[in-house]
PDB file of N, CA and C in Angstrom:
ATOM      1  N   MET A   1     -15.992 -34.733 -70.753  1.00  0.00           N
ATOM      2  CA  MET A   1     -17.174 -34.809 -71.593  1.00  0.00           C
ATOM      3  C   MET A   1     -17.336 -33.556 -72.449  1.00  0.00           C
ATOM      4  N   MET A   2     -17.028 -32.402 -71.879  1.00  0.00           N
ATOM      5  CA  MET A   2     -17.212 -31.151 -72.602  1.00  0.00           C
ATOM      6  C   MET A   2     -16.334 -31.114 -73.859  1.00  0.00           C
ATOM      7  N   GLY A   3     -15.086 -31.575 -73.745  1.00  0.00           N
ATOM      8  CA  GLY A   3     -14.189 -31.564 -74.884  1.00  0.00           C
ATOM      9  C   GLY A   3     -14.660 -32.476 -76.001  1.00  0.00           C
ATOM     10  N   MET A   4     -15.224 -33.619 -75.627  1.00  0.00           N
ATOM     11  CA  MET A   4     -15.704 -34.557 -76.640  1.00  0.00           C
ATOM     12  C   MET A   4     -16.885 -33.963 -77.409  1.00  0.00           C
ATOM     13  N   ASN A   5     -17.808 -33.322 -76.688  1.00  0.00           N
ATOM     14  CA  ASN A   5     -18.938 -32.697 -77.366  1.00  0.00           C
ATOM     15  C   ASN A   5     -18.469 -31.579 -78.284  1.00  0.00           C
ATOM     16  N   PHE A   6     -17.484 -30.818 -77.846  1.00  0.00           N
ATOM     17  CA  PHE A   6     -16.971 -29.713 -78.658  1.00  0.00           C
ATOM     18  C   PHE A   6     -16.325 -30.237 -79.929  1.00  0.00           C
ATOM     19  N   THR A   7     -15.532 -31.313 -79.825  1.00  0.00           N
ATOM     20  CA  THR A   7     -14.859 -31.840 -81.006  1.00  0.00           C
ATOM     21  C   THR A   7     -15.856 -32.488 -81.965  1.00  0.00           C
ATOM     22  N   MET A   8     -16.993 -32.954 -81.450  1.00  0.00           N
ATOM     23  CA  MET A   8     -17.987 -33.558 -82.333  1.00  0.00           C
ATOM     24  C   MET A   8     -18.807 -32.499 -83.063  1.00  0.00           C
ATOM     25  N   ILE A   9     -18.969 -31.315 -82.466  1.00  0.00           N
ATOM     26  CA  ILE A   9     -19.808 -30.292 -83.077  1.00  0.00           C
ATOM     27  C   ILE A   9     -18.986 -29.297 -83.906  1.00  0.00           C
ATOM     28  N   LEU A  10     -17.678 -29.265 -83.702  1.00  0.00           N
ATOM     29  CA  LEU A  10     -16.842 -28.293 -84.405  1.00  0.00           C
ATOM     30  C   LEU A  10     -16.815 -28.484 -85.925  1.00  0.00           C
ATOM     31  N   PRO A  11     -16.580 -29.681 -86.466  1.00  0.00           N
ATOM     32  CA  PRO A  11     -16.523 -29.819 -87.927  1.00  0.00           C
ATOM     33  C   PRO A  11     -17.807 -29.390 -88.656  1.00  0.00           C
ATOM     34  N   PRO A  12     -19.011 -29.765 -88.176  1.00  0.00           N
ATOM     35  CA  PRO A  12     -20.207 -29.286 -88.879  1.00  0.00           C
ATOM     36  C   PRO A  12     -20.361 -27.761 -88.815  1.00  0.00           C
ATOM     37  N   LEU A  13     -20.032 -27.168 -87.682  1.00  0.00           N
ATOM     38  CA  LEU A  13     -20.121 -25.705 -87.580  1.00  0.00           C
ATOM     39  C   LEU A  13     -19.109 -25.029 -88.489  1.00  0.00           C
ATOM     40  N   LEU A  14     -17.908 -25.577 -88.546  1.00  0.00           N
ATOM     41  CA  LEU A  14     -16.884 -25.026 -89.417  1.00  0.00           C
ATOM     42  C   LEU A  14     -17.288 -25.164 -90.884  1.00  0.00           C
ATOM     43  N   SER A  15     -17.848 -26.293 -91.248  1.00  0.00           N
ATOM     44  CA  SER A  15     -18.316 -26.509 -92.620  1.00  0.00           C
ATOM     45  C   SER A  15     -19.434 -25.537 -92.983  1.00  0.00           C
ATOM     46  N   LEU A  16     -20.353 -25.343 -92.065  1.00  0.00           N
ATOM     47  CA  LEU A  16     -21.454 -24.413 -92.301  1.00  0.00           C
ATOM     48  C   LEU A  16     -20.947 -22.988 -92.480  1.00  0.00           C
ATOM     49  N   ALA A  17     -20.033 -22.574 -91.615  1.00  0.00           N
ATOM     50  CA  ALA A  17     -19.476 -21.222 -91.706  1.00  0.00           C
ATOM     51  C   ALA A  17     -18.720 -21.032 -93.025  1.00  0.00           C
ATOM     52  N   CYS A  18     -17.942 -22.031 -93.427  1.00  0.00           N
ATOM     53  CA  CYS A  18     -17.199 -21.940 -94.687  1.00  0.00           C
ATOM     54  C   CYS A  18     -18.146 -21.916 -95.882  1.00  0.00           C
ATOM     55  N   GLY A  19     -19.204 -22.705 -95.831  1.00  0.00           N
ATOM     56  CA  GLY A  19     -20.177 -22.715 -96.925  1.00  0.00           C
ATOM     57  C   GLY A  19     -20.868 -21.375 -97.084  1.00  0.00           C
ATOM     58  N   ILE A  20     -21.243 -20.756 -95.987  1.00  0.00           N
ATOM     59  CA  ILE A  20     -21.875 -19.433 -96.046  1.00  0.00           C
ATOM     60  C   ILE A  20     -20.882 -18.400 -96.563  1.00  0.00           C
ATOM     61  N   ALA A  21     -19.630 -18.476 -96.085  1.00  0.00           N
ATOM     62  CA  ALA A  21     -18.607 -17.531 -96.541  1.00  0.00           C
ATOM     63  C   ALA A  21     -18.376 -17.664 -98.044  1.00  0.00           C
ATOM     64  N   ILE A  22     -18.376 -18.900 -98.559  1.00  0.00           N
ATOM     65  CA  ILE A  22     -18.171 -19.104 -99.997  1.00  0.00           C
ATOM     66  C   ILE A  22     -19.347 -18.529-100.795  1.00  0.00           C
ATOM     67  N   LEU A  23     -20.567 -18.657-100.270  1.00  0.00           N
ATOM     68  CA  LEU A  23     -21.719 -18.077-100.964  1.00  0.00           C
ATOM     69  C   LEU A  23     -21.617 -16.553-101.024  1.00  0.00           C
ATOM     70  N   ILE A  24     -21.122 -15.952 -99.949  1.00  0.00           N
ATOM     71  CA  ILE A  24     -21.029 -14.495 -99.905  1.00  0.00           C
ATOM     72  C   ILE A  24     -19.830 -14.001-100.710  1.00  0.00           C
ATOM     73  N   TRP A  25     -18.671 -14.642-100.526  1.00  0.00           N
ATOM     74  CA  TRP A  25     -17.448 -14.262-101.221  1.00  0.00           C
ATOM     75  C   TRP A  25     -16.887 -15.478-101.948  1.00  0.00           C
ATOM     76  N   PRO A  26     -17.286 -15.729-103.205  1.00  0.00           N
ATOM     77  CA  PRO A  26     -16.837 -16.931-103.917  1.00  0.00           C
ATOM     78  C   PRO A  26     -15.311 -17.027-104.063  1.00  0.00           C
ATOM     79  N   ARG A  27     -14.617 -15.902-104.022  1.00  0.00           N
ATOM     80  CA  ARG A  27     -13.167 -15.913-104.162  1.00  0.00           C
ATOM     81  C   ARG A  27     -12.483 -16.591-102.960  1.00  0.00           C
ATOM     82  N   LEU A  28     -13.205 -16.675-101.833  1.00  0.00           N
ATOM     83  CA  LEU A  28     -12.653 -17.309-100.641  1.00  0.00           C
ATOM     84  C   LEU A  28     -12.450 -18.815-100.804  1.00  0.00           C
ATOM     85  N   LEU A  29     -13.107 -19.415-101.772  1.00  0.00           N
ATOM     86  CA  LEU A  29     -13.030 -20.867-101.948  1.00  0.00           C
ATOM     87  C   LEU A  29     -11.588 -21.345-102.057  1.00  0.00           C
ATOM     88  N   ASN A  30     -10.773 -20.627-102.822  1.00  0.00           N
ATOM     89  CA  ASN A  30      -9.363 -21.026-102.978  1.00  0.00           C
ATOM     90  C   ASN A  30      -8.646 -21.054-101.638  1.00  0.00           C
ATOM     91  N   TYR A  31      -8.849 -20.025-100.832  1.00  0.00           N
ATOM     92  CA  TYR A  31      -8.160 -19.932 -99.546  1.00  0.00           C
ATOM     93  C   TYR A  31      -8.670 -20.980 -98.563  1.00  0.00           C
ATOM     94  N   ILE A  32      -9.975 -21.197 -98.546  1.00  0.00           N
ATOM     95  CA  ILE A  32     -10.554 -22.173 -97.616  1.00  0.00           C
ATOM     96  C   ILE A  32     -10.047 -23.576 -97.940  1.00  0.00           C
ATOM     97  N   VAL A  33     -10.022 -23.926 -99.206  1.00  0.00           N
ATOM     98  CA  VAL A  33      -9.533 -25.248 -99.608  1.00  0.00           C
ATOM     99  C   VAL A  33      -8.046 -25.383 -99.285  1.00  0.00           C
ATOM    100  N   ALA A  34      -7.275 -24.332 -99.545  1.00  0.00           N
ATOM    101  CA  ALA A  34      -5.838 -24.382 -99.269  1.00  0.00           C
ATOM    102  C   ALA A  34      -5.577 -24.556 -97.778  1.00  0.00           C
ATOM    103  N   PHE A  35      -6.256 -23.774 -96.933  1.00  0.00           N
ATOM    104  CA  PHE A  35      -6.057 -23.903 -95.490  1.00  0.00           C
ATOM    105  C   PHE A  35      -6.523 -25.270 -94.988  1.00  0.00           C
ATOM    106  N   TYR A  36      -7.606 -25.786 -95.557  1.00  0.00           N
ATOM    107  CA  TYR A  36      -8.109 -27.104 -95.175  1.00  0.00           C
ATOM    108  C   TYR A  36      -7.058 -28.176 -95.465  1.00  0.00           C
ATOM    109  N   LEU A  37      -6.504 -28.138 -96.662  1.00  0.00           N
ATOM    110  CA  LEU A  37      -5.517 -29.141 -97.043  1.00  0.00           C
ATOM    111  C   LEU A  37      -4.245 -29.022 -96.217  1.00  0.00           C
ATOM    112  N   ILE A  38      -3.795 -27.798 -95.968  1.00  0.00           N
ATOM    113  CA  ILE A  38      -2.591 -27.594 -95.165  1.00  0.00           C
ATOM    114  C   ILE A  38      -2.828 -28.070 -93.736  1.00  0.00           C
ATOM    115  N   PHE A  39      -3.959 -27.698 -93.153  1.00  0.00           N
ATOM    116  CA  PHE A  39      -4.249 -28.056 -91.766  1.00  0.00           C
ATOM    117  C   PHE A  39      -4.306 -29.566 -91.585  1.00  0.00           C
ATOM    118  N   PHE A  40      -5.072 -30.257 -92.431  1.00  0.00           N
ATOM    119  CA  PHE A  40      -5.197 -31.700 -92.257  1.00  0.00           C
ATOM    120  C   PHE A  40      -3.936 -32.451 -92.694  1.00  0.00           C
ATOM    121  N   GLY A  41      -3.170 -31.867 -93.590  1.00  0.00           N
ATOM    122  CA  GLY A  41      -1.876 -32.451 -93.930  1.00  0.00           C
ATOM    123  C   GLY A  41      -0.921 -32.398 -92.753  1.00  0.00           C
ATOM    124  N   LEU A  42      -0.851 -31.231 -92.098  1.00  0.00           N
ATOM    125  CA  LEU A  42       0.003 -31.102 -90.920  1.00  0.00           C
ATOM    126  C   LEU A  42      -0.509 -31.957 -89.763  1.00  0.00           C
ATOM    127  N   ALA A  43      -1.830 -32.003 -89.590  1.00  0.00           N
ATOM    128  CA  ALA A  43      -2.409 -32.809 -88.512  1.00  0.00           C
ATOM    129  C   ALA A  43      -2.097 -34.286 -88.723  1.00  0.00           C
ATOM    130  N   GLY A  44      -2.014 -34.712 -89.976  1.00  0.00           N
ATOM    131  CA  GLY A  44      -1.689 -36.101 -90.260  1.00  0.00           C
ATOM    132  C   GLY A  44      -0.221 -36.413 -90.036  1.00  0.00           C
ATOM    133  N   LEU A  45       0.628 -35.400 -90.170  1.00  0.00           N
ATOM    134  CA  LEU A  45       2.061 -35.619 -89.999  1.00  0.00           C
ATOM    135  C   LEU A  45       2.511 -35.519 -88.548  1.00  0.00           C
ATOM    136  N   ILE A  46       1.789 -34.797 -87.725  1.00  0.00           N
ATOM    137  CA  ILE A  46       2.200 -34.560 -86.343  1.00  0.00           C
ATOM    138  C   ILE A  46       2.416 -35.867 -85.550  1.00  0.00           C
ATOM    139  N   PRO A  47       1.543 -36.868 -85.638  1.00  0.00           N
ATOM    140  CA  PRO A  47       1.798 -38.091 -84.864  1.00  0.00           C
ATOM    141  C   PRO A  47       3.080 -38.822 -85.259  1.00  0.00           C
ATOM    142  N   LEU A  48       3.580 -38.560 -86.472  1.00  0.00           N
ATOM    143  CA  LEU A  48       4.798 -39.225 -86.908  1.00  0.00           C
ATOM    144  C   LEU A  48       6.022 -38.691 -86.173  1.00  0.00           C
ATOM    145  N   PHE A  49       5.980 -37.476 -85.695  1.00  0.00           N
ATOM    146  CA  PHE A  49       7.111 -36.875 -84.982  1.00  0.00           C
ATOM    147  C   PHE A  49       6.933 -37.190 -83.551  1.00  0.00           C
TER     148      PHE A  49
END
């Protein structure tokens, strides 16, 4: 149960943290978007292997 609650609350917390970081350092937007795309791209490919 603990893992399920953690996985459900992680994306909103991560989004909130990234949004605040972008407000403070607008230059971070490029890096955050790049890491987001790389992470979910790799996560989508992993089940294929």
